[in-house]
């Protein structure tokens, strides 16, 4: 009788070990699937960050060019006024206003990308 009970206990232990091994195998498979699934979104995030940084730099470059337009208008506007060229004064004022508006708009875009 003791021999039969020992065999039953041994069988139970083997079954418990098999269940435990199966559980670990499921856990390992699940972790591997999750690890593989994480690769793709991480790659997209890396690309998005790179594009965001590139966009930010392009906005800064554009802003610098608009600042140059503002500075040039400020430089030549007094000369146009001095010689009495009203049409050129009007053009410089319009260009300066447009450049200033764009400069400010780009500042907002740059701030959003921080």
N, C-alpha and C. Protein backbone atom coordinates (compact mmCIF):
# COMPACT_ATOMS: atom_id res chain seq x y z
N UNK A 1 0.83 -1.18 0.00
CA UNK A 1 0.00 0.00 0.00
C UNK A 1 0.88 1.25 0.00
N UNK A 2 1.91 1.23 0.86
CA UNK A 2 2.81 2.37 0.92
C UNK A 2 3.48 2.59 -0.43
N UNK A 3 3.81 1.52 -1.11
CA UNK A 3 4.45 1.60 -2.41
C UNK A 3 3.51 2.27 -3.42
N UNK A 4 2.23 1.95 -3.36
CA UNK A 4 1.24 2.55 -4.27
C UNK A 4 1.10 4.04 -3.96
N UNK A 5 1.03 4.40 -2.68
CA UNK A 5 0.92 5.81 -2.29
C UNK A 5 2.17 6.59 -2.71
N UNK A 6 3.33 5.98 -2.57
CA UNK A 6 4.57 6.64 -3.01
C UNK A 6 4.53 6.91 -4.51
N UNK A 7 4.04 5.92 -5.27
CA UNK A 7 3.96 6.09 -6.73
C UNK A 7 2.95 7.17 -7.10
N UNK A 8 1.84 7.21 -6.37
CA UNK A 8 0.82 8.25 -6.63
C UNK A 8 1.40 9.63 -6.30
N UNK A 9 2.09 9.74 -5.17
CA UNK A 9 2.72 11.02 -4.80
C UNK A 9 3.77 11.44 -5.83
N UNK A 10 4.55 10.44 -6.28
CA UNK A 10 5.59 10.72 -7.28
C UNK A 10 4.94 11.20 -8.58
N UNK A 11 3.85 10.58 -8.97
CA UNK A 11 3.12 10.97 -10.18
C UNK A 11 2.56 12.38 -10.03
N UNK A 12 2.06 12.69 -8.85
CA UNK A 12 1.56 14.04 -8.59
C UNK A 12 2.68 15.08 -8.69
N UNK A 13 3.84 14.72 -8.15
CA UNK A 13 4.99 15.64 -8.22
C UNK A 13 5.42 15.87 -9.67
N UNK A 14 5.45 14.78 -10.45
CA UNK A 14 5.82 14.89 -11.87
C UNK A 14 4.80 15.76 -12.59
N UNK A 15 3.53 15.53 -12.33
CA UNK A 15 2.48 16.33 -12.96
C UNK A 15 2.61 17.80 -12.57
N UNK A 16 2.88 18.06 -11.30
CA UNK A 16 3.04 19.44 -10.82
C UNK A 16 4.24 20.09 -11.50
N UNK A 17 5.33 19.31 -11.68
CA UNK A 17 6.51 19.83 -12.37
C UNK A 17 6.20 20.17 -13.82
N UNK A 18 5.43 19.28 -14.47
CA UNK A 18 5.05 19.53 -15.87
C UNK A 18 4.19 20.79 -15.98
N UNK A 19 3.27 20.94 -15.06
CA UNK A 19 2.42 22.13 -15.06
C UNK A 19 3.26 23.38 -14.84
N UNK A 20 4.21 23.29 -13.90
CA UNK A 20 5.08 24.42 -13.61
C UNK A 20 5.95 24.77 -14.83
N UNK A 21 6.49 23.74 -15.50
CA UNK A 21 7.29 23.96 -16.71
C UNK A 21 6.45 24.60 -17.82
N UNK A 22 5.23 24.09 -17.98
CA UNK A 22 4.33 24.64 -19.00
C UNK A 22 4.02 26.10 -18.70
N UNK A 23 3.82 26.40 -17.42
CA UNK A 23 3.54 27.78 -17.01
C UNK A 23 4.72 28.69 -17.34
N UNK A 24 5.93 28.23 -17.05
CA UNK A 24 7.12 29.02 -17.36
C UNK A 24 7.28 29.21 -18.88
N UNK A 25 6.97 28.14 -19.62
CA UNK A 25 7.08 28.23 -21.08
C UNK A 25 6.10 29.27 -21.63
N UNK A 26 4.89 29.27 -21.10
CA UNK A 26 3.89 30.26 -21.52
C UNK A 26 4.37 31.67 -21.18
N UNK A 27 4.91 31.83 -19.97
CA UNK A 27 5.41 33.14 -19.57
C UNK A 27 6.55 33.60 -20.47
N UNK A 28 7.47 32.68 -20.78
CA UNK A 28 8.60 33.03 -21.65
C UNK A 28 8.12 33.39 -23.05
N UNK A 29 7.16 32.62 -23.57
CA UNK A 29 6.61 32.92 -24.90
C UNK A 29 5.91 34.28 -24.92
N UNK A 30 5.16 34.55 -23.87
CA UNK A 30 4.46 35.84 -23.79
C UNK A 30 5.46 36.99 -23.73
N UNK A 31 6.50 36.83 -22.91
CA UNK A 31 7.51 37.88 -22.81
C UNK A 31 8.24 38.09 -24.13
N UNK A 32 8.51 37.01 -24.84
CA UNK A 32 9.18 37.11 -26.14
C UNK A 32 8.29 37.83 -27.15
N UNK A 33 7.01 37.50 -27.16
CA UNK A 33 6.07 38.18 -28.06
C UNK A 33 6.00 39.67 -27.76
N UNK A 34 5.95 40.01 -26.48
CA UNK A 34 5.90 41.42 -26.09
C UNK A 34 7.18 42.12 -26.50
N UNK A 35 8.33 41.48 -26.29
CA UNK A 35 9.61 42.07 -26.66
C UNK A 35 9.66 42.35 -28.16
N UNK A 36 9.20 41.39 -28.96
CA UNK A 36 9.18 41.57 -30.41
C UNK A 36 8.22 42.70 -30.79
N UNK A 37 7.07 42.75 -30.12
CA UNK A 37 6.08 43.79 -30.43
C UNK A 37 6.58 45.18 -30.07
N UNK A 38 7.48 45.28 -29.09
CA UNK A 38 8.00 46.59 -28.66
C UNK A 38 8.99 47.17 -29.66
N UNK A 39 9.59 46.34 -30.48
CA UNK A 39 10.62 46.81 -31.42
C UNK A 39 10.03 47.82 -32.40
N UNK A 40 8.89 47.51 -32.98
CA UNK A 40 8.31 48.37 -34.01
C UNK A 40 7.90 49.74 -33.49
N UNK A 41 7.13 49.84 -32.39
CA UNK A 41 6.78 51.18 -31.92
C UNK A 41 8.00 51.98 -31.48
N UNK A 42 9.00 51.31 -30.94
CA UNK A 42 10.22 52.02 -30.56
C UNK A 42 10.90 52.61 -31.79
N UNK A 43 10.91 51.87 -32.89
CA UNK A 43 11.49 52.37 -34.13
C UNK A 43 10.70 53.58 -34.64
N UNK A 44 9.38 53.50 -34.55
CA UNK A 44 8.55 54.65 -34.97
C UNK A 44 8.81 55.86 -34.08
N UNK A 45 8.95 55.62 -32.78
CA UNK A 45 9.23 56.73 -31.86
C UNK A 45 10.58 57.37 -32.17
N UNK A 46 11.59 56.56 -32.44
CA UNK A 46 12.91 57.10 -32.79
C UNK A 46 12.81 57.96 -34.05
N UNK A 47 12.07 57.48 -35.05
CA UNK A 47 11.88 58.23 -36.31
C UNK A 47 11.12 59.53 -36.04
N UNK A 48 10.08 59.45 -35.21
CA UNK A 48 9.28 60.64 -34.90
C UNK A 48 10.13 61.69 -34.19
N UNK A 49 10.96 61.26 -33.25
CA UNK A 49 11.83 62.20 -32.53
C UNK A 49 12.82 62.84 -33.49
N UNK A 50 13.36 62.04 -34.39
CA UNK A 50 14.29 62.56 -35.39
C UNK A 50 13.61 63.59 -36.29
N UNK A 51 12.40 63.27 -36.75
CA UNK A 51 11.65 64.21 -37.61
C UNK A 51 11.27 65.47 -36.84
N UNK A 52 10.92 65.31 -35.57
CA UNK A 52 10.57 66.47 -34.74
C UNK A 52 11.78 67.40 -34.62
N UNK A 53 12.95 66.82 -34.36
CA UNK A 53 14.16 67.64 -34.24
C UNK A 53 14.50 68.31 -35.56
N UNK A 54 14.31 67.58 -36.66
CA UNK A 54 14.57 68.16 -37.98
C UNK A 54 13.58 69.29 -38.27
N UNK A 55 12.32 69.08 -37.94
CA UNK A 55 11.30 70.12 -38.15
C UNK A 55 11.62 71.35 -37.32
N UNK A 56 12.00 71.13 -36.08
CA UNK A 56 12.34 72.25 -35.21
C UNK A 56 13.50 73.06 -35.80
N UNK A 57 14.52 72.37 -36.28
CA UNK A 57 15.65 73.07 -36.88
C UNK A 57 15.24 73.83 -38.13
N UNK A 58 14.34 73.25 -38.94
CA UNK A 58 13.85 73.94 -40.13
C UNK A 58 13.05 75.18 -39.75
N UNK A 59 12.23 75.09 -38.72
CA UNK A 59 11.50 76.27 -38.24
C UNK A 59 12.46 77.36 -37.77
N UNK A 60 13.50 76.95 -37.06
CA UNK A 60 14.50 77.93 -36.59
C UNK A 60 15.20 78.58 -37.77
N UNK A 61 15.57 77.78 -38.78
CA UNK A 61 16.22 78.34 -39.97
C UNK A 61 15.31 79.32 -40.68
N UNK A 62 14.03 78.96 -40.82
CA UNK A 62 13.08 79.87 -41.47
C UNK A 62 12.92 81.14 -40.66
N UNK A 63 12.85 81.00 -39.34
CA UNK A 63 12.71 82.16 -38.47
C UNK A 63 13.92 83.10 -38.63
N UNK A 64 15.10 82.52 -38.73
CA UNK A 64 16.31 83.34 -38.92
C UNK A 64 16.26 84.11 -40.24
N UNK A 65 15.71 83.48 -41.28
CA UNK A 65 15.59 84.17 -42.59
C UNK A 65 14.57 85.30 -42.51
N UNK A 66 13.48 85.08 -41.78
CA UNK A 66 12.51 86.17 -41.62
C UNK A 66 13.11 87.31 -40.80
N UNK A 67 13.93 86.97 -39.83
CA UNK A 67 14.62 88.00 -39.04
C UNK A 67 15.55 88.81 -39.94
N UNK A 68 16.20 88.14 -40.88
CA UNK A 68 17.06 88.85 -41.83
C UNK A 68 16.24 89.83 -42.67
N UNK A 69 15.05 89.42 -43.11
CA UNK A 69 14.18 90.32 -43.89
C UNK A 69 13.79 91.53 -43.05
N UNK A 70 13.45 91.29 -41.79
CA UNK A 70 13.11 92.40 -40.89
C UNK A 70 14.28 93.36 -40.77
N UNK A 71 15.46 92.81 -40.54
CA UNK A 71 16.66 93.66 -40.38
C UNK A 71 16.96 94.44 -41.65
N UNK A 72 16.81 93.82 -42.82
CA UNK A 72 17.07 94.51 -44.08
C UNK A 72 16.05 95.63 -44.31
N UNK A 73 14.79 95.35 -43.99
CA UNK A 73 13.77 96.39 -44.13
C UNK A 73 14.07 97.55 -43.19
N UNK A 74 14.48 97.23 -41.96
CA UNK A 74 14.83 98.28 -41.00
C UNK A 74 16.03 99.09 -41.49
N UNK A 75 16.94 98.44 -42.17
CA UNK A 75 18.13 99.12 -42.68
C UNK A 75 17.80 100.06 -43.84
N UNK A 76 16.97 99.58 -44.77
CA UNK A 76 16.73 100.35 -46.00
C UNK A 76 15.49 101.23 -45.95
N UNK A 77 14.60 101.03 -44.99
CA UNK A 77 13.40 101.86 -44.88
C UNK A 77 13.74 103.34 -44.66
N UNK A 78 14.66 103.66 -43.75
CA UNK A 78 14.99 105.08 -43.57
C UNK A 78 15.55 105.72 -44.85
N UNK A 79 16.29 104.96 -45.62
CA UNK A 79 16.86 105.49 -46.88
C UNK A 79 15.74 105.77 -47.87
N UNK A 80 14.79 104.83 -47.98
CA UNK A 80 13.66 105.03 -48.89
C UNK A 80 12.83 106.23 -48.46
N UNK A 81 12.67 106.42 -47.16
CA UNK A 81 11.92 107.57 -46.65
C UNK A 81 12.67 108.86 -46.96
N UNK A 82 14.00 108.82 -46.80
CA UNK A 82 14.82 110.01 -47.02
C UNK A 82 14.76 110.48 -48.46
N UNK A 83 14.74 109.54 -49.38
CA UNK A 83 14.70 109.96 -50.80
C UNK A 83 13.27 110.17 -51.28
N UNK A 84 12.31 109.88 -50.43
CA UNK A 84 10.92 110.17 -50.74
C UNK A 84 10.27 109.17 -51.67
N UNK A 85 10.76 107.96 -51.68
CA UNK A 85 10.20 106.91 -52.54
C UNK A 85 9.06 106.21 -51.78
N UNK A 86 7.87 106.80 -51.90
CA UNK A 86 6.72 106.30 -51.14
C UNK A 86 6.34 104.86 -51.50
N UNK A 87 6.46 104.51 -52.76
CA UNK A 87 6.12 103.15 -53.18
C UNK A 87 7.06 102.13 -52.52
N UNK A 88 8.35 102.42 -52.48
CA UNK A 88 9.32 101.53 -51.86
C UNK A 88 9.11 101.48 -50.35
N UNK A 89 8.79 102.62 -49.74
CA UNK A 89 8.50 102.64 -48.30
C UNK A 89 7.32 101.72 -47.99
N UNK A 90 6.28 101.79 -48.84
CA UNK A 90 5.11 100.95 -48.65
C UNK A 90 5.49 99.47 -48.80
N UNK A 91 6.29 99.15 -49.79
CA UNK A 91 6.73 97.76 -50.01
C UNK A 91 7.54 97.27 -48.81
N UNK A 92 8.51 98.09 -48.35
CA UNK A 92 9.33 97.70 -47.19
C UNK A 92 8.48 97.49 -45.94
N UNK A 93 7.51 98.38 -45.72
CA UNK A 93 6.63 98.24 -44.57
C UNK A 93 5.81 96.95 -44.64
N UNK A 94 5.28 96.65 -45.84
CA UNK A 94 4.50 95.42 -46.02
C UNK A 94 5.36 94.17 -45.82
N UNK A 95 6.56 94.21 -46.40
CA UNK A 95 7.47 93.06 -46.27
C UNK A 95 7.88 92.87 -44.81
N UNK A 96 8.15 93.97 -44.13
CA UNK A 96 8.55 93.88 -42.73
C UNK A 96 7.42 93.31 -41.88
N UNK A 97 6.19 93.77 -42.12
CA UNK A 97 5.05 93.27 -41.37
C UNK A 97 4.84 91.78 -41.62
N UNK A 98 4.92 91.36 -42.88
CA UNK A 98 4.76 89.95 -43.22
C UNK A 98 5.85 89.12 -42.54
N UNK A 99 7.09 89.57 -42.62
CA UNK A 99 8.21 88.84 -42.01
C UNK A 99 8.06 88.78 -40.50
N UNK A 100 7.63 89.87 -39.90
CA UNK A 100 7.44 89.91 -38.45
C UNK A 100 6.32 88.95 -38.02
N UNK A 101 5.22 88.94 -38.78
CA UNK A 101 4.12 88.01 -38.48
C UNK A 101 4.58 86.56 -38.58
N UNK A 102 5.33 86.25 -39.61
CA UNK A 102 5.84 84.89 -39.80
C UNK A 102 6.84 84.53 -38.70
N UNK A 103 7.68 85.48 -38.32
CA UNK A 103 8.65 85.26 -37.25
C UNK A 103 7.94 84.86 -35.96
N UNK A 104 6.88 85.60 -35.64
CA UNK A 104 6.11 85.31 -34.42
C UNK A 104 5.39 83.97 -34.51
N UNK A 105 4.82 83.66 -35.68
CA UNK A 105 4.11 82.38 -35.87
C UNK A 105 5.09 81.21 -35.73
N UNK A 106 6.27 81.37 -36.28
CA UNK A 106 7.27 80.31 -36.18
C UNK A 106 7.71 80.11 -34.73
N UNK A 107 7.76 81.17 -33.98
CA UNK A 107 8.12 81.06 -32.55
C UNK A 107 7.12 80.15 -31.84
N UNK A 108 5.85 80.31 -32.16
CA UNK A 108 4.82 79.45 -31.56
C UNK A 108 5.00 77.99 -31.98
N UNK A 109 5.32 77.78 -33.26
CA UNK A 109 5.55 76.42 -33.75
C UNK A 109 6.76 75.78 -33.08
N UNK A 110 7.81 76.56 -32.91
CA UNK A 110 9.03 76.06 -32.26
C UNK A 110 8.74 75.70 -30.81
N UNK A 111 7.98 76.54 -30.13
CA UNK A 111 7.63 76.28 -28.74
C UNK A 111 6.82 74.99 -28.59
N UNK A 112 5.98 74.68 -29.59
CA UNK A 112 5.17 73.46 -29.54
C UNK A 112 6.04 72.21 -29.69
N UNK A 113 7.17 72.35 -30.34
CA UNK A 113 8.05 71.21 -30.58
C UNK A 113 9.02 70.93 -29.45
N UNK A 114 8.97 71.70 -28.39
CA UNK A 114 9.89 71.47 -27.28
C UNK A 114 9.45 70.32 -26.45
